[in-house]
Amino acid sequence: MNGSHMTELQKAVDALRIASGLSALFGSVPSLVQGPIAASDYTAVITALNAARAAWGLPAVTYTGVPPPSVHGDVYAAHMTQLREAVR
């Protein structure tokens, strides 16, 4: 996993937010292409995604099989995979 994966996910979530009548949140966020992915990056994306899903009447996304990302906690590839699937 690298920052470009998170940047792509942020763009996809922004597109869903716009389609659901909400404002984009990540358009002005600096690209993470060169930087590490932090737990706060995941929580920001899932919070934004869940707001868009709620606007469409869909349930909130929760992680399965792994604990949610947390500060000083582990970040798993499953976090990225599950978020990608939730955006589809």
C-alpha atoms as a PDB file:
ATOM      1  CA  MET A   1       0.000   0.000   0.000  1.00  0.00           C
ATOM      2  CA  ASN A   2       1.168   3.489  -0.683  1.00  0.00           C
ATOM      3  CA  GLY A   3      -0.176   6.997  -0.599  1.00  0.00           C
ATOM      4  CA  SER A   4      -1.334   6.951  -4.214  1.00  0.00           C
ATOM      5  CA  HIS A   5      -3.852   4.235  -3.306  1.00  0.00           C
ATOM      6  CA  MET A   6      -5.338   6.450  -0.605  1.00  0.00           C
ATOM      7  CA  THR A   7      -5.407   9.458  -2.938  1.00  0.00           C
ATOM      8  CA  GLU A   8      -7.377   7.417  -5.497  1.00  0.00           C
ATOM      9  CA  LEU A   9      -9.788   6.311  -2.790  1.00  0.00           C
ATOM     10  CA  GLN A  10     -10.276   9.901  -1.599  1.00  0.00           C
ATOM     11  CA  LYS A  11     -11.145  10.968  -5.153  1.00  0.00           C
ATOM     12  CA  ALA A  12     -13.662   8.135  -5.470  1.00  0.00           C
ATOM     13  CA  VAL A  13     -15.302   9.019  -2.156  1.00  0.00           C
ATOM     14  CA  ASP A  14     -15.505  12.676  -3.196  1.00  0.00           C
ATOM     15  CA  ALA A  15     -17.255  11.609  -6.418  1.00  0.00           C
ATOM     16  CA  LEU A  16     -19.795   9.601  -4.399  1.00  0.00           C
ATOM     17  CA  ARG A  17     -20.319  12.518  -2.044  1.00  0.00           C
ATOM     18  CA  ILE A  18     -20.987  14.884  -4.928  1.00  0.00           C
ATOM     19  CA  ALA A  19     -23.375  12.384  -6.534  1.00  0.00           C
ATOM     20  CA  SER A  20     -25.276  12.166  -3.249  1.00  0.00           C
ATOM     21  CA  GLY A  21     -25.571  15.950  -2.924  1.00  0.00           C
ATOM     22  CA  LEU A  22     -22.771  16.404  -0.388  1.00  0.00           C
ATOM     23  CA  SER A  23     -19.653  18.503  -0.778  1.00  0.00           C
ATOM     24  CA  ALA A  24     -16.268  17.065  -1.679  1.00  0.00           C
ATOM     25  CA  LEU A  25     -13.867  16.845   1.241  1.00  0.00           C
ATOM     26  CA  PHE A  26     -10.568  15.745  -0.206  1.00  0.00           C
ATOM     27  CA  GLY A  27     -10.126  17.941  -3.284  1.00  0.00           C
ATOM     28  CA  SER A  28      -7.834  20.319  -1.435  1.00  0.00           C
ATOM     29  CA  VAL A  29      -6.005  17.663   0.578  1.00  0.00           C
ATOM     30  CA  PRO A  30      -2.372  17.300  -0.489  1.00  0.00           C
ATOM     31  CA  SER A  31      -1.612  14.098  -2.350  1.00  0.00           C
ATOM     32  CA  LEU A  32      -0.255  11.258  -0.244  1.00  0.00           C
ATOM     33  CA  VAL A  33       1.729   9.788  -3.153  1.00  0.00           C
ATOM     34  CA  GLN A  34       5.041  10.099  -1.323  1.00  0.00           C
ATOM     35  CA  GLY A  35       3.847   9.921   2.254  1.00  0.00           C
ATOM     36  CA  PRO A  36       2.839   7.133   4.576  1.00  0.00           C
ATOM     37  CA  ILE A  37      -0.807   6.260   5.151  1.00  0.00           C
ATOM     38  CA  ALA A  38      -1.902   7.017   8.703  1.00  0.00           C
ATOM     39  CA  ALA A  39      -4.841   5.598  10.621  1.00  0.00           C
ATOM     40  CA  SER A  40      -6.408   9.072  10.507  1.00  0.00           C
ATOM     41  CA  ASP A  41      -6.401   8.890   6.686  1.00  0.00           C
ATOM     42  CA  TYR A  42      -8.535   5.749   6.868  1.00  0.00           C
ATOM     43  CA  THR A  43     -10.931   7.116   9.465  1.00  0.00           C
ATOM     44  CA  ALA A  44     -11.430  10.351   7.486  1.00  0.00           C
ATOM     45  CA  VAL A  45     -12.261   8.388   4.331  1.00  0.00           C
ATOM     46  CA  ILE A  46     -14.648   5.973   6.019  1.00  0.00           C
ATOM     47  CA  THR A  47     -16.446   8.820   7.809  1.00  0.00           C
ATOM     48  CA  ALA A  48     -16.864  10.688   4.505  1.00  0.00           C
ATOM     49  CA  LEU A  49     -17.948   7.507   2.731  1.00  0.00           C
ATOM     50  CA  ASN A  50     -20.496   6.647   5.400  1.00  0.00           C
ATOM     51  CA  ALA A  51     -22.065  10.105   5.069  1.00  0.00           C
ATOM     52  CA  ALA A  52     -22.489   9.541   1.328  1.00  0.00           C
ATOM     53  CA  ARG A  53     -23.897   6.054   1.896  1.00  0.00           C
ATOM     54  CA  ALA A  54     -26.369   7.433   4.453  1.00  0.00           C
ATOM     55  CA  ALA A  55     -27.586   9.972   1.881  1.00  0.00           C
ATOM     56  CA  TRP A  56     -28.425   7.019  -0.394  1.00  0.00           C
ATOM     57  CA  GLY A  57     -30.086   5.067   2.421  1.00  0.00           C
ATOM     58  CA  LEU A  58     -27.249   2.531   2.628  1.00  0.00           C
ATOM     59  CA  PRO A  59     -25.799   1.196   5.883  1.00  0.00           C
ATOM     60  CA  ALA A  60     -22.496   2.420   7.259  1.00  0.00           C
ATOM     61  CA  VAL A  61     -19.366   0.521   6.302  1.00  0.00           C
ATOM     62  CA  THR A  62     -17.568  -1.310   9.055  1.00  0.00           C
ATOM     63  CA  TYR A  63     -14.403  -3.357   8.862  1.00  0.00           C
ATOM     64  CA  THR A  64     -14.743  -7.120   9.141  1.00  0.00           C
ATOM     65  CA  GLY A  65     -12.004  -9.503  10.151  1.00  0.00           C
ATOM     66  CA  VAL A  66      -9.638  -6.745  11.246  1.00  0.00           C
ATOM     67  CA  PRO A  67      -9.825  -4.125  13.977  1.00  0.00           C
ATOM     68  CA  PRO A  68     -10.499  -0.588  12.776  1.00  0.00           C
ATOM     69  CA  PRO A  69      -7.387   1.522  12.183  1.00  0.00           C
ATOM     70  CA  SER A  70      -6.337   3.427  15.269  1.00  0.00           C
ATOM     71  CA  VAL A  71      -3.543   5.738  16.277  1.00  0.00           C
ATOM     72  CA  HIS A  72      -0.467   3.667  17.149  1.00  0.00           C
ATOM     73  CA  GLY A  73      -2.326   0.580  15.903  1.00  0.00           C
ATOM     74  CA  ASP A  74      -1.688  -1.597  12.906  1.00  0.00           C
ATOM     75  CA  VAL A  75      -2.948  -0.764   9.432  1.00  0.00           C
ATOM     76  CA  TYR A  76      -3.749  -3.808   7.327  1.00  0.00           C
ATOM     77  CA  ALA A  77      -4.096  -4.312   3.588  1.00  0.00           C
ATOM     78  CA  ALA A  78      -7.615  -5.515   4.412  1.00  0.00           C
ATOM     79  CA  HIS A  79      -8.505  -1.958   5.433  1.00  0.00           C
ATOM     80  CA  MET A  80      -7.757  -0.681   1.920  1.00  0.00           C
ATOM     81  CA  THR A  81      -9.434  -3.668   0.255  1.00  0.00           C
ATOM     82  CA  GLN A  82     -12.618  -3.294   2.264  1.00  0.00           C
ATOM     83  CA  LEU A  83     -12.800   0.446   1.645  1.00  0.00           C
ATOM     84  CA  ARG A  84     -12.319  -0.068  -2.077  1.00  0.00           C
ATOM     85  CA  GLU A  85     -15.144  -2.595  -2.122  1.00  0.00           C
ATOM     86  CA  ALA A  86     -17.414  -0.238  -0.191  1.00  0.00           C
ATOM     87  CA  VAL A  87     -16.892   2.512  -2.773  1.00  0.00           C
ATOM     88  CA  ARG A  88     -17.879   0.256  -5.687  1.00  0.00           C
END
